[in-house]
Amino acid sequence: MSEFITPKKIIYGENSLALSGKYIAELGKKALIVTGKIVVTLDIFKQLTDMLDSEGIKYAVFTGITGEPTDTMINEGVEVYKKEDCDFLIGIGGGSPLDSMKAIGALVTGGGKISDYMGKVIETPLPPMAAIPTTAGTGSEATQFTVITDSEKDIKMLLKGTVLIPDIAVVDGELTKSSPKGITASTALDALTHAVEAYTSKKAQPLTDPYCISAVQKIFKYLPRAYKNGDDIEARNGLAIAALQAGICINNSSVTIVHGMSRPIGALFHVAHGTSNAMLLEKCMAFAVDGAYDKFAELGRAIGTAKASDDDKTAAEKFIAALGDICRICEIPTLEEYGIDKDKFFEVMDKMATDALASGSPSNTIKEVTKEDILDLYKSLW
């Protein structure tokens, strides 16, 4: 038996934020808005607070999410939630505020420290949640996952449970127009990684496959356009829907080797998650390709980089090359170009490989992955 899980309600398209008020009003009487210091200066934040005011919803604001979330930030958010006597949560911003909203909710109802939930399925119901993404990539508005850094152990903890899926997801490409081109690229390539990994995962299933293919097609079509022109609203809308689709895919089919190897790079070298995924994407999928030539070939044909007459191996290899091409179009740096010290990287490589395997994600890869395989792939990045 398989299951297929999504948010309870998805509101998408033009003017969705303003139209979501009557649904958000059903979640509670006072919201804690979880966000960052930049988002509160944008017009989209005023749109949110105006909508809450018009619905008579009280709110407090927590802007303590700076960069990718840590356990310390989550603890601060919990304190604000309790002090302000809130009864539901709204996350607005990129993946970090949305992930933080979930983690704050988990501690509000479950107690303890966020590291207590590592390796467990979170089952205690959370306060109601509404997720409003302002980037098109993480899919956190649709997923049962949150990623929080344990600041003591320097690891990114992947926490999961269906209770982490937001009750409401508000998806509108217009809300992502403020994203600079670098963030546009990083987040969309995160979504691309979600879709490709979910499609080629051991846990892939018939209900997620069409979402995966659609998301991959949209990202290859619209990301170069949005990267070149951030005001291209058709491209922004396409990427917003692709990110949502890809988030639903990993909810149900999971991620694989790229995410497993990416999290340690982010935790130890503070590389944005989407960027570290992109650094790994071509090489990791080139490693995995011979485990599923047919599926990679289908993706190659879907985006038009492979011909219908190509055999599966040829079509699959053309798709892998296209992954590298789109990362280069988006000017994704190498580790060296990013400024990471090679000696330091090699010094912690064994820890990274251990942490990658321990995350469980590499085990979903369509072929067996060993620690030596992961070490070889890390070395190949240089």
Protein backbone atom coordinates (compact mmCIF):
# COMPACT_ATOMS: atom_id res chain seq x y z
CA MET A 1 0.00 0.00 0.00
CA SER A 2 1.11 3.56 -0.75
CA GLU A 3 -0.31 6.88 0.39
CA PHE A 4 -0.42 10.27 -1.30
CA ILE A 5 -0.33 13.30 0.99
CA THR A 6 -0.74 17.01 0.25
CA PRO A 7 -1.66 20.18 2.19
CA LYS A 8 -5.32 20.35 3.20
CA LYS A 9 -5.90 23.44 1.09
CA ILE A 10 -3.81 24.99 -1.70
CA ILE A 11 -4.68 28.52 -2.81
CA TYR A 12 -2.78 29.47 -5.95
CA GLY A 13 -2.70 31.96 -8.76
CA GLU A 14 -3.21 35.69 -9.10
CA ASN A 15 -4.17 37.60 -5.93
CA SER A 16 -4.12 34.43 -3.83
CA LEU A 17 -2.76 36.13 -0.71
CA ALA A 18 -5.65 38.60 -0.49
CA LEU A 19 -8.17 35.86 -1.23
CA SER A 20 -6.75 33.50 1.40
CA GLY A 21 -7.99 35.61 4.31
CA LYS A 22 -11.26 33.80 4.91
CA TYR A 23 -9.42 30.47 5.09
CA ILE A 24 -6.61 31.72 7.33
CA ALA A 25 -9.25 33.26 9.63
CA GLU A 26 -10.50 29.74 10.33
CA LEU A 27 -7.12 28.70 11.80
CA GLY A 28 -7.28 30.72 15.01
CA LYS A 29 -7.54 34.08 16.73
CA LYS A 30 -3.91 35.20 16.98
CA ALA A 31 -1.07 34.22 14.68
CA LEU A 32 2.66 34.22 15.17
CA ILE A 33 4.09 35.34 11.83
CA VAL A 34 7.46 33.66 11.35
CA THR A 35 9.73 35.45 8.89
CA GLY A 36 13.02 37.28 8.38
CA LYS A 37 14.11 40.88 8.69
CA ILE A 38 14.07 41.55 4.92
CA VAL A 39 10.58 40.20 4.24
CA VAL A 40 8.99 42.59 6.76
CA THR A 41 10.28 45.52 4.69
CA LEU A 42 8.57 44.31 1.49
CA ASP A 43 5.16 45.16 0.11
CA ILE A 44 4.13 41.50 0.30
CA PHE A 45 4.39 41.63 4.09
CA LYS A 46 2.11 44.65 4.17
CA GLN A 47 -0.30 42.74 1.93
CA LEU A 48 -0.35 39.99 4.55
CA THR A 49 -0.88 42.27 7.54
CA ASP A 50 -3.54 44.28 5.69
CA MET A 51 -5.38 41.06 4.95
CA LEU A 52 -5.14 39.94 8.59
CA ASP A 53 -6.39 43.32 9.77
CA SER A 54 -9.33 43.17 7.38
CA GLU A 55 -10.25 39.75 8.75
CA GLY A 56 -9.88 40.90 12.36
CA ILE A 57 -7.04 38.48 13.03
CA LYS A 58 -4.51 39.50 15.68
CA TYR A 59 -0.84 38.71 15.17
CA ALA A 60 2.66 38.94 16.60
CA VAL A 61 5.78 38.96 14.41
CA PHE A 62 8.98 36.94 14.92
CA THR A 63 11.79 38.07 12.59
CA GLY A 64 14.57 36.01 14.10
CA ILE A 65 15.13 33.72 11.11
CA THR A 66 18.45 34.82 9.64
CA GLY A 67 19.86 32.46 7.04
CA GLU A 68 19.13 28.78 7.35
CA PRO A 69 17.40 27.98 10.66
CA THR A 70 19.15 26.72 13.77
CA ASP A 71 17.87 25.22 17.00
CA THR A 72 18.63 28.53 18.75
CA MET A 73 16.34 30.47 16.41
CA ILE A 74 13.58 27.92 16.94
CA ASN A 75 13.81 28.23 20.73
CA GLU A 76 13.50 32.01 20.44
CA GLY A 77 10.43 31.63 18.24
CA VAL A 78 8.77 29.29 20.74
CA GLU A 79 9.29 31.84 23.50
CA VAL A 80 7.63 34.58 21.43
CA TYR A 81 4.70 32.28 20.52
CA LYS A 82 4.02 31.53 24.17
CA LYS A 83 4.62 35.06 25.44
CA GLU A 84 2.23 36.50 22.86
CA ASP A 85 -0.42 33.85 23.58
CA CYS A 86 -0.72 32.81 19.92
CA ASP A 87 -2.84 29.90 18.78
CA PHE A 88 -1.67 29.38 15.18
CA LEU A 89 1.28 30.06 12.89
CA ILE A 90 1.91 31.82 9.58
CA GLY A 91 5.23 31.38 7.80
CA ILE A 92 6.09 33.89 5.08
CA GLY A 93 9.37 33.99 3.17
CA GLY A 94 11.70 31.40 1.70
CA GLY A 95 12.17 27.85 2.90
CA SER A 96 13.88 28.92 6.12
CA PRO A 97 10.90 30.75 7.67
CA LEU A 98 8.53 28.00 6.53
CA ASP A 99 10.74 25.27 7.98
CA SER A 100 11.14 27.31 11.16
CA MET A 101 7.38 27.72 11.50
CA LYS A 102 7.02 23.93 11.50
CA ALA A 103 9.79 23.41 14.05
CA ILE A 104 8.34 26.09 16.34
CA GLY A 105 4.97 24.36 16.08
CA ALA A 106 6.51 21.02 16.97
CA LEU A 107 8.07 22.39 20.16
CA VAL A 108 4.96 24.34 21.14
CA THR A 109 2.89 21.17 21.33
CA GLY A 110 5.56 18.49 21.83
CA GLY A 111 8.00 20.23 24.14
CA GLY A 112 11.66 19.42 24.62
CA LYS A 113 14.47 20.39 22.25
CA ILE A 114 14.26 20.19 18.48
CA SER A 115 17.19 17.74 18.46
CA ASP A 116 14.98 15.33 20.46
CA TYR A 117 13.01 14.74 17.26
CA MET A 118 15.97 13.70 15.11
CA GLY A 119 15.44 10.22 13.68
CA LYS A 120 11.84 10.04 14.91
CA VAL A 121 8.51 10.59 13.21
CA ILE A 122 6.79 13.60 14.76
CA GLU A 123 3.23 12.60 15.60
CA THR A 124 1.92 15.14 18.14
CA PRO A 125 -0.46 17.51 16.28
CA LEU A 126 0.92 21.02 15.72
CA PRO A 127 -0.96 24.32 15.94
CA PRO A 128 -2.68 25.18 12.64
CA MET A 129 -0.25 26.55 10.04
CA ALA A 130 -0.42 28.65 6.88
CA ALA A 131 2.63 28.75 4.57
CA ILE A 132 3.22 31.64 2.17
CA PRO A 133 6.39 31.09 0.10
CA THR A 134 8.15 34.10 -1.39
CA THR A 135 10.65 31.93 -3.26
CA ALA A 136 9.91 29.12 -5.71
CA GLY A 137 11.96 26.16 -4.67
CA THR A 138 11.93 24.44 -1.31
CA GLY A 139 8.33 23.24 -1.53
CA SER A 140 8.14 23.51 2.26
CA GLU A 141 4.59 24.80 1.87
CA ALA A 142 3.61 21.27 0.83
CA THR A 143 5.98 18.94 2.65
CA GLN A 144 6.08 16.83 5.79
CA PHE A 145 9.72 17.81 6.38
CA THR A 146 11.72 20.51 8.08
CA VAL A 147 15.49 20.93 8.14
CA ILE A 148 17.05 22.57 11.21
CA THR A 149 20.74 22.86 12.07
CA ASP A 150 21.91 21.44 15.39
CA SER A 151 24.37 24.20 16.33
CA GLU A 152 26.26 22.01 18.80
CA LYS A 153 26.86 19.06 16.47
CA ASP A 154 27.10 21.03 13.21
CA ILE A 155 24.59 18.81 11.43
CA LYS A 156 21.44 19.58 9.53
CA MET A 157 18.64 17.56 11.06
CA LEU A 158 15.95 16.27 8.71
CA LEU A 159 12.76 16.05 10.76
CA LYS A 160 9.57 14.52 9.42
CA GLY A 161 5.94 13.72 10.13
CA THR A 162 2.67 14.33 8.34
CA VAL A 163 1.72 16.76 11.13
CA LEU A 164 4.35 19.12 9.66
CA ILE A 165 2.33 19.63 6.46
CA PRO A 166 0.81 23.14 6.54
CA ASP A 167 -2.97 23.36 6.64
CA ILE A 168 -2.94 26.09 3.99
CA ALA A 169 -0.42 26.78 1.22
CA VAL A 170 -0.68 30.12 -0.60
CA VAL A 171 1.18 29.96 -3.92
CA ASP A 172 1.50 32.96 -6.23
CA GLY A 173 4.43 33.74 -8.53
CA GLU A 174 3.84 37.45 -7.94
CA LEU A 175 5.04 36.97 -4.35
CA THR A 176 8.44 35.74 -5.60
CA LYS A 177 9.26 38.78 -7.76
CA SER A 178 11.40 40.31 -5.01
CA SER A 179 13.81 37.34 -5.13
CA PRO A 180 17.22 38.33 -6.56
CA LYS A 181 18.48 36.26 -9.47
CA GLY A 182 20.85 34.22 -7.30
CA ILE A 183 18.06 33.16 -4.95
CA THR A 184 15.75 32.55 -7.90
CA ALA A 185 18.31 30.14 -9.32
CA SER A 186 19.22 28.44 -6.05
CA THR A 187 15.64 27.78 -5.00
CA ALA A 188 14.44 26.64 -8.43
CA LEU A 189 17.38 24.24 -8.70
CA ASP A 190 16.40 22.88 -5.29
CA ALA A 191 12.94 22.19 -6.74
CA LEU A 192 14.53 20.60 -9.81
CA THR A 193 16.54 18.33 -7.53
CA HIS A 194 13.37 17.39 -5.64
CA ALA A 195 11.59 16.43 -8.85
CA VAL A 196 14.47 14.47 -10.39
CA GLU A 197 15.25 12.61 -7.17
CA ALA A 198 11.61 11.78 -6.46
CA TYR A 199 11.15 10.47 -10.02
CA THR A 200 14.22 8.23 -9.83
CA SER A 201 13.85 7.23 -6.16
CA LYS A 202 13.24 3.68 -5.01
CA LYS A 203 10.05 5.10 -3.48
CA ALA A 204 8.77 6.61 -6.76
CA GLN A 205 5.09 5.89 -7.34
CA PRO A 206 2.53 6.34 -10.13
CA LEU A 207 0.77 9.28 -8.46
CA THR A 208 3.93 11.34 -8.07
CA ASP A 209 5.55 10.56 -11.45
CA PRO A 210 3.36 12.99 -13.47
CA TYR A 211 4.04 15.78 -10.94
CA CYS A 212 7.79 15.10 -11.21
CA ILE A 213 7.80 15.25 -15.01
CA SER A 214 5.67 18.40 -15.04
CA ALA A 215 7.93 20.14 -12.50
CA VAL A 216 11.08 19.25 -14.45
CA GLN A 217 9.56 20.54 -17.69
CA LYS A 218 8.47 23.81 -16.09
CA ILE A 219 11.84 24.47 -14.46
CA PHE A 220 13.79 23.86 -17.67
CA LYS A 221 11.37 26.11 -19.53
CA TYR A 222 10.98 28.95 -17.05
CA LEU A 223 14.13 29.13 -14.90
CA PRO A 224 16.40 30.59 -17.63
CA ARG A 225 13.72 33.20 -18.32
CA ALA A 226 13.20 34.16 -14.67
CA TYR A 227 16.96 34.23 -14.10
CA LYS A 228 17.38 36.64 -17.01
CA ASN A 229 14.30 38.76 -16.24
CA GLY A 230 12.90 38.70 -12.71
CA ASP A 231 9.79 40.59 -13.84
CA ASP A 232 8.70 37.78 -16.17
CA ILE A 233 5.52 36.92 -14.28
CA GLU A 234 4.64 33.96 -16.51
CA ALA A 235 8.01 32.42 -15.67
CA ARG A 236 7.57 33.25 -11.97
CA ASN A 237 4.16 31.57 -11.91
CA GLY A 238 5.53 28.53 -13.71
CA LEU A 239 8.33 28.13 -11.18
CA ALA A 240 5.96 28.62 -8.23
CA ILE A 241 3.74 25.78 -9.43
CA ALA A 242 6.78 23.61 -10.20
CA ALA A 243 8.12 24.10 -6.67
CA LEU A 244 4.74 23.12 -5.21
CA GLN A 245 4.57 20.03 -7.44
CA ALA A 246 8.11 19.02 -6.54
CA GLY A 247 7.36 19.47 -2.83
CA ILE A 248 4.38 17.14 -3.15
CA CYS A 249 6.66 14.66 -4.91
CA ILE A 250 9.22 14.45 -2.10
CA ASN A 251 6.37 14.17 0.40
CA ASN A 252 5.46 10.89 -1.20
CA SER A 253 8.56 9.58 -2.98
CA SER A 254 11.40 11.16 -0.99
CA VAL A 255 14.80 12.53 -1.98
CA THR A 256 17.99 10.59 -2.64
CA ILE A 257 21.77 11.01 -2.75
CA VAL A 258 21.99 14.71 -3.66
CA HIS A 259 20.11 15.85 -0.56
CA GLY A 260 21.99 13.43 1.65
CA MET A 261 25.33 14.85 0.51
CA SER A 262 24.14 18.45 0.33
CA ARG A 263 23.07 18.90 3.95
CA PRO A 264 26.58 18.40 5.44
CA ILE A 265 28.02 20.97 3.02
CA GLY A 266 25.39 23.44 4.14
CA ALA A 267 25.89 22.71 7.83
CA LEU A 268 29.69 22.93 7.84
CA PHE A 269 30.35 25.54 5.15
CA HIS A 270 27.12 27.59 5.27
CA VAL A 271 26.25 27.11 1.61
CA ALA A 272 22.61 27.81 0.80
CA HIS A 273 20.73 24.53 0.44
CA GLY A 274 19.66 24.99 -3.18
CA THR A 275 23.18 26.01 -4.18
CA SER A 276 24.82 23.00 -2.54
CA ASN A 277 22.24 20.77 -4.25
CA ALA A 278 23.12 22.35 -7.59
CA MET A 279 26.84 21.86 -6.98
CA LEU A 280 26.18 18.13 -6.62
CA LEU A 281 23.31 17.58 -9.04
CA GLU A 282 25.06 16.61 -12.28
CA LYS A 283 27.73 14.42 -10.67
CA CYS A 284 25.36 12.61 -8.31
CA MET A 285 22.82 11.91 -11.04
CA ALA A 286 25.64 10.73 -13.33
CA PHE A 287 26.48 8.25 -10.55
CA ALA A 288 22.86 7.11 -10.22
CA VAL A 289 21.94 7.01 -13.91
CA ASP A 290 22.86 3.39 -14.64
CA GLY A 291 20.38 2.31 -11.96
CA ALA A 292 17.46 3.72 -13.96
CA TYR A 293 18.37 4.56 -17.55
CA ASP A 294 14.69 4.33 -18.51
CA LYS A 295 13.52 6.96 -16.01
CA PHE A 296 16.32 9.42 -16.71
CA ALA A 297 15.66 8.87 -20.42
CA GLU A 298 12.00 9.81 -19.97
CA LEU A 299 13.06 13.07 -18.36
CA GLY A 300 15.44 13.75 -21.24
CA ARG A 301 12.64 13.24 -23.76
CA ALA A 302 10.18 15.29 -21.66
CA ILE A 303 12.37 18.41 -21.81
CA GLY A 304 13.27 17.87 -25.48
CA THR A 305 16.99 17.39 -24.96
CA ALA A 306 16.71 13.78 -26.17
CA LYS A 307 15.03 12.52 -29.32
CA ALA A 308 12.29 9.90 -29.37
CA SER A 309 14.62 7.77 -31.48
CA ASP A 310 17.43 7.83 -28.86
CA ASP A 311 17.93 4.62 -26.91
CA ASP A 312 17.45 4.92 -23.15
CA LYS A 313 21.16 5.14 -22.29
CA THR A 314 21.76 7.94 -24.80
CA ALA A 315 18.63 9.85 -23.78
CA ALA A 316 19.51 9.49 -20.09
CA GLU A 317 23.03 10.79 -20.62
CA LYS A 318 21.67 13.76 -22.57
CA PHE A 319 19.45 14.59 -19.61
CA ILE A 320 22.40 14.42 -17.19
CA ALA A 321 24.29 16.83 -19.45
CA ALA A 322 21.25 19.16 -19.46
CA LEU A 323 21.36 19.24 -15.65
CA GLY A 324 24.91 20.55 -15.86
CA ASP A 325 23.93 23.05 -18.55
CA ILE A 326 21.11 24.64 -16.55
CA CYS A 327 23.38 24.98 -13.50
CA ARG A 328 25.95 26.75 -15.66
CA ILE A 329 23.29 29.03 -17.17
CA CYS A 330 22.42 30.01 -13.60
CA GLU A 331 26.11 30.57 -12.76
CA ILE A 332 26.25 28.07 -9.91
CA PRO A 333 29.76 28.25 -8.44
CA THR A 334 32.05 25.35 -7.73
CA LEU A 335 33.16 24.79 -4.15
CA GLU A 336 36.41 26.60 -4.93
CA GLU A 337 34.62 29.52 -6.59
CA TYR A 338 32.34 29.75 -3.57
CA GLY A 339 35.42 30.27 -1.41
CA ILE A 340 35.56 26.97 0.44
CA ASP A 341 39.05 25.94 1.52
CA LYS A 342 39.99 22.61 -0.07
CA ASP A 343 42.08 21.41 2.88
CA LYS A 344 39.26 22.11 5.34
CA PHE A 345 36.80 20.36 3.06
CA PHE A 346 38.94 17.23 2.86
CA GLU A 347 39.55 17.38 6.61
CA VAL A 348 35.82 17.00 7.38
CA MET A 349 34.94 14.84 4.40
CA ASP A 350 34.69 11.63 6.42
CA LYS A 351 32.25 13.29 8.84
CA MET A 352 30.21 14.60 5.92
CA ALA A 353 29.99 11.15 4.34
CA THR A 354 28.96 9.62 7.66
CA ASP A 355 26.31 12.30 8.21
CA ALA A 356 25.05 11.93 4.64
CA LEU A 357 24.51 8.19 5.07
CA ALA A 358 22.96 8.66 8.51
CA SER A 359 20.33 11.02 7.05
CA GLY A 360 18.81 8.05 5.23
CA SER A 361 18.34 9.92 1.94
CA PRO A 362 21.09 8.11 -0.02
CA SER A 363 19.41 4.77 0.70
CA ASN A 364 16.47 5.88 -1.47
CA THR A 365 18.76 6.09 -4.51
CA ILE A 366 17.84 3.65 -7.27
CA LYS A 367 21.22 1.90 -6.85
CA GLU A 368 23.26 0.98 -3.79
CA VAL A 369 25.25 3.83 -2.29
CA THR A 370 28.24 3.18 -0.01
CA LYS A 371 30.30 5.54 2.10
CA GLU A 372 33.14 5.11 -0.39
CA ASP A 373 30.83 6.19 -3.21
CA ILE A 374 29.95 9.34 -1.29
CA LEU A 375 33.60 10.08 -0.52
CA ASP A 376 34.49 9.66 -4.21
CA LEU A 377 31.72 12.06 -5.21
CA TYR A 378 32.84 14.65 -2.67
CA LYS A 379 36.39 14.38 -4.01
CA SER A 380 35.14 14.79 -7.58
CA LEU A 381 33.79 18.25 -6.73
CA TRP A 382 37.38 19.45 -6.82
